[in-house]
Amino acid sequence: MFDFDTILFDLDGTVTDSAPGVMNSFHYALSRFGIEPDSHEELKKVVGPPLKTSFTVTYGVPLERFGEVMEYYLSYYLPKGIYENSVYPGVEALLRRLRAAGKRLVVASSKWQYGVDTVMRHFGLDTYFDFMGGSEEKAGRVEKADVIRYILERLSIADTSRVLMVGDRKYDVEGAAQCGIRTCGVLWGYGSKEELDAAGALFTVSTPEELAEKLGA
């Protein structure tokens, strides 16, 4: 059992299964941009990393045209894709158990802030969290580490030894490590145990129930 006071949760692939909406939005944007993904399976790799990384690095969209492709992405995502989403089974019960155990819960997501707020309120999960942090390019928050630093500053957390990141991809592990935070990797999302272990996850869990038990809730 691990003793952590503050638990940071990734959103996509950890709290909700947002893959359908994200993938459909990417497909729409890329097709309007003249890029056709090889397969639906190939699109799964865009779920998790920051949007800028997926568009410019994974699919080769020129950096100076990122704003243009994002307009296409949002034209599908905002009215429709954001709701092609579901809460993973057992996650809400996990949040209730952690709150009852006195844990401080925080969202730390690479999804932009508006998307974080909208998704969490749509599913009624915002009430479990003390703070919800997302990316905001104009404020310089793009990568996972940027979001986590912002959260630590907003919550006046100087000692990170009792803070745990919970996420499903290597980006969560690596971003948290840059801020001196250890990570639990969850195996119900979009990453694999091999990916999470290689990135340096402290431990991995297969179910929300297992995570609750590991955290003494």
Protein backbone atom coordinates (compact mmCIF):
# COMPACT_ATOMS: atom_id res chain seq x y z
CA MET A 1 0.00 0.00 0.00
CA PHE A 2 1.23 3.50 -0.87
CA ASP A 3 0.68 6.65 1.16
CA PHE A 4 0.02 9.70 -1.04
CA ASP A 5 -2.01 12.77 -0.08
CA THR A 6 -2.57 14.34 -3.52
CA ILE A 7 -3.50 12.30 -6.59
CA LEU A 8 -3.16 13.84 -10.06
CA PHE A 9 -5.33 12.18 -12.70
CA ASP A 10 -4.76 12.25 -16.42
CA LEU A 11 -8.09 12.52 -18.26
CA ASP A 12 -8.10 10.85 -21.69
CA GLY A 13 -7.41 7.14 -21.30
CA THR A 14 -7.48 7.30 -17.50
CA VAL A 15 -10.78 8.80 -16.38
CA THR A 16 -12.67 8.67 -19.69
CA ASP A 17 -12.43 6.71 -22.92
CA SER A 18 -12.25 9.66 -25.30
CA ALA A 19 -10.69 7.75 -28.19
CA PRO A 20 -13.75 7.67 -30.49
CA GLY A 21 -14.23 11.45 -30.45
CA VAL A 22 -10.52 12.30 -30.61
CA MET A 23 -9.87 9.87 -33.47
CA ASN A 24 -12.90 11.01 -35.45
CA SER A 25 -11.86 14.65 -35.00
CA PHE A 26 -8.32 13.88 -36.15
CA HIS A 27 -9.57 11.99 -39.17
CA TYR A 28 -11.84 14.88 -40.13
CA ALA A 29 -9.06 17.47 -39.72
CA LEU A 30 -6.39 15.46 -41.53
CA SER A 31 -8.69 14.59 -44.46
CA ARG A 32 -9.56 18.29 -44.87
CA PHE A 33 -5.83 18.96 -44.80
CA GLY A 34 -5.12 16.44 -47.55
CA ILE A 35 -3.68 13.75 -45.25
CA GLU A 36 -5.36 10.36 -45.08
CA PRO A 37 -4.39 8.09 -42.14
CA ASP A 38 -3.47 4.57 -43.20
CA SER A 39 -6.01 2.98 -40.90
CA HIS A 40 -8.33 3.48 -37.96
CA GLU A 41 -5.83 1.51 -35.88
CA GLU A 42 -3.06 3.97 -36.80
CA LEU A 43 -5.14 6.84 -35.42
CA LYS A 44 -5.02 5.35 -31.91
CA LYS A 45 -1.53 6.76 -31.45
CA VAL A 46 -2.91 10.32 -31.40
CA VAL A 47 -4.84 9.68 -28.18
CA GLY A 48 -2.70 10.84 -25.27
CA PRO A 49 0.07 13.08 -26.63
CA PRO A 50 -0.46 16.86 -26.89
CA LEU A 51 -2.41 17.80 -30.03
CA LYS A 52 0.50 19.81 -31.43
CA THR A 53 2.80 16.79 -31.16
CA SER A 54 0.31 14.50 -32.89
CA PHE A 55 -0.37 16.88 -35.76
CA THR A 56 3.15 18.21 -36.40
CA VAL A 57 5.37 15.28 -35.42
CA THR A 58 3.21 12.22 -36.04
CA TYR A 59 1.48 13.49 -39.18
CA GLY A 60 3.93 16.09 -40.43
CA VAL A 61 1.68 19.14 -40.47
CA PRO A 62 3.98 22.20 -40.77
CA LEU A 63 4.22 24.04 -37.48
CA GLU A 64 3.16 27.31 -39.10
CA ARG A 65 -0.08 25.64 -40.24
CA PHE A 66 -0.94 24.07 -36.89
CA GLY A 67 -3.55 26.74 -36.20
CA GLU A 68 -5.24 25.97 -39.51
CA VAL A 69 -5.49 22.22 -38.92
CA MET A 70 -6.69 22.86 -35.37
CA GLU A 71 -9.61 24.86 -36.76
CA TYR A 72 -10.69 21.78 -38.72
CA TYR A 73 -10.19 19.59 -35.65
CA LEU A 74 -12.29 21.81 -33.43
CA SER A 75 -15.03 22.20 -36.02
CA TYR A 76 -15.76 18.50 -35.49
CA TYR A 77 -14.66 18.05 -31.89
CA LEU A 78 -16.52 20.90 -30.18
CA PRO A 79 -20.06 20.17 -31.39
CA LYS A 80 -19.75 16.37 -31.57
CA GLY A 81 -16.42 14.67 -30.86
CA ILE A 82 -16.10 15.86 -27.27
CA TYR A 83 -19.26 13.90 -26.42
CA GLU A 84 -18.17 10.70 -28.22
CA ASN A 85 -16.73 9.72 -24.88
CA SER A 86 -17.52 7.58 -21.82
CA VAL A 87 -16.34 7.17 -18.23
CA TYR A 88 -14.38 3.97 -17.65
CA PRO A 89 -16.24 1.42 -15.50
CA GLY A 90 -15.24 1.65 -11.86
CA VAL A 91 -13.61 5.08 -12.11
CA GLU A 92 -16.36 7.05 -10.39
CA ALA A 93 -16.41 4.53 -7.53
CA LEU A 94 -12.62 4.93 -7.29
CA LEU A 95 -12.98 8.71 -7.00
CA ARG A 96 -15.61 8.34 -4.28
CA ARG A 97 -13.36 5.99 -2.29
CA LEU A 98 -10.35 8.28 -2.58
CA ARG A 99 -12.36 11.32 -1.49
CA ALA A 100 -13.77 9.38 1.46
CA ALA A 101 -10.19 8.47 2.42
CA GLY A 102 -9.31 12.18 2.54
CA LYS A 103 -7.24 12.35 -0.65
CA ARG A 104 -6.94 15.60 -2.60
CA LEU A 105 -7.85 14.88 -6.23
CA VAL A 106 -6.66 16.95 -9.19
CA VAL A 107 -7.01 16.62 -12.97
CA ALA A 108 -3.70 17.06 -14.82
CA SER A 109 -4.36 16.72 -18.53
CA SER A 110 -2.73 17.70 -21.82
CA LYS A 111 -6.23 18.31 -23.16
CA TRP A 112 -6.81 22.05 -23.41
CA GLN A 113 -8.49 23.65 -20.41
CA TYR A 114 -11.87 24.22 -22.02
CA GLY A 115 -12.04 20.55 -23.04
CA VAL A 116 -11.12 19.39 -19.53
CA ASP A 117 -13.78 21.57 -17.93
CA THR A 118 -16.45 20.59 -20.46
CA VAL A 119 -15.87 16.82 -20.25
CA MET A 120 -15.68 16.71 -16.47
CA ARG A 121 -18.86 18.76 -16.04
CA HIS A 122 -20.67 16.78 -18.74
CA PHE A 123 -20.13 13.57 -16.76
CA GLY A 124 -20.64 15.22 -13.37
CA LEU A 125 -17.14 14.25 -12.23
CA ASP A 126 -15.90 17.77 -11.51
CA THR A 127 -17.40 17.61 -8.01
CA TYR A 128 -14.81 15.00 -6.97
CA PHE A 129 -11.85 17.24 -7.78
CA ASP A 130 -10.22 20.08 -5.86
CA PHE A 131 -8.67 21.49 -9.04
CA MET A 132 -8.70 20.74 -12.77
CA GLY A 133 -5.67 21.69 -14.86
CA GLY A 134 -5.39 21.48 -18.63
CA SER A 135 -3.17 22.88 -21.35
CA GLU A 136 -3.35 26.51 -22.47
CA GLU A 137 -0.93 27.41 -25.24
CA LYS A 138 -1.20 31.17 -24.75
CA ALA A 139 -0.21 30.68 -21.11
CA GLY A 140 2.73 28.46 -22.05
CA ARG A 141 1.14 25.22 -20.86
CA VAL A 142 1.52 22.69 -23.66
CA GLU A 143 3.35 19.61 -22.43
CA LYS A 144 2.30 17.46 -19.48
CA ALA A 145 5.13 18.82 -17.32
CA ASP A 146 3.92 22.39 -18.00
CA VAL A 147 0.44 21.50 -16.75
CA ILE A 148 1.79 19.78 -13.65
CA ARG A 149 4.04 22.73 -12.76
CA TYR A 150 1.03 25.03 -13.12
CA ILE A 151 -0.98 22.83 -10.76
CA LEU A 152 1.80 22.64 -8.18
CA GLU A 153 2.06 26.43 -8.24
CA ARG A 154 -1.69 27.01 -8.01
CA LEU A 155 -2.01 24.58 -5.09
CA SER A 156 1.19 25.80 -3.40
CA ILE A 157 2.69 22.30 -3.34
CA ALA A 158 6.43 22.45 -2.65
CA ASP A 159 6.96 18.90 -1.37
CA THR A 160 6.10 16.46 -4.17
CA SER A 161 7.03 13.32 -2.21
CA ARG A 162 3.38 12.70 -1.30
CA VAL A 163 1.99 13.48 -4.76
CA LEU A 164 1.15 10.70 -7.22
CA MET A 165 0.38 11.00 -10.94
CA VAL A 166 -2.10 8.48 -12.38
CA GLY A 167 -2.00 8.03 -16.15
CA ASP A 168 -2.04 5.59 -19.03
CA ARG A 169 0.80 6.74 -21.29
CA LYS A 170 4.53 7.39 -21.10
CA TYR A 171 3.84 11.12 -21.44
CA ASP A 172 2.23 11.05 -18.00
CA VAL A 173 5.19 9.24 -16.43
CA GLU A 174 7.82 11.39 -18.11
CA GLY A 175 6.01 14.68 -17.48
CA ALA A 176 5.49 13.86 -13.81
CA ALA A 177 9.12 12.79 -13.41
CA GLN A 178 10.25 16.19 -14.69
CA CYS A 179 8.38 17.66 -11.72
CA GLY A 180 9.72 15.19 -9.17
CA ILE A 181 6.50 13.17 -9.04
CA ARG A 182 6.08 9.40 -9.25
CA THR A 183 3.43 7.76 -11.41
CA CYS A 184 0.99 4.87 -11.27
CA GLY A 185 0.32 3.52 -14.74
CA VAL A 186 -3.21 2.29 -15.48
CA LEU A 187 -3.69 -0.55 -17.93
CA TRP A 188 -7.30 0.14 -18.94
CA GLY A 189 -6.29 3.09 -21.15
CA TYR A 190 -4.28 3.47 -24.36
CA GLY A 191 -0.78 2.51 -23.22
CA SER A 192 0.75 -0.86 -22.39
CA LYS A 193 2.49 -2.20 -19.30
CA GLU A 194 5.70 -2.36 -21.34
CA GLU A 195 5.43 1.32 -22.29
CA LEU A 196 4.67 2.43 -18.75
CA ASP A 197 7.38 0.28 -17.14
CA ALA A 198 9.97 1.47 -19.65
CA ALA A 199 9.04 5.10 -18.90
CA GLY A 200 9.64 4.48 -15.19
CA ALA A 201 6.20 4.06 -13.62
CA LEU A 202 6.38 3.33 -9.89
CA PHE A 203 3.72 0.62 -10.30
CA THR A 204 0.86 -0.33 -12.61
CA VAL A 205 -2.72 -1.44 -11.94
CA SER A 206 -5.26 -3.27 -14.08
CA THR A 207 -8.49 -1.99 -12.51
CA PRO A 208 -9.75 1.07 -10.62
CA GLU A 209 -10.51 -1.22 -7.66
CA GLU A 210 -6.87 -2.31 -7.52
CA LEU A 211 -5.75 1.32 -7.50
CA ALA A 212 -8.11 2.17 -4.63
CA GLU A 213 -6.65 -0.67 -2.59
CA LYS A 214 -3.07 0.35 -3.39
CA LEU A 215 -3.82 3.86 -2.11
CA GLY A 216 -5.52 2.65 1.06
CA ALA A 217 -9.02 3.72 0.08
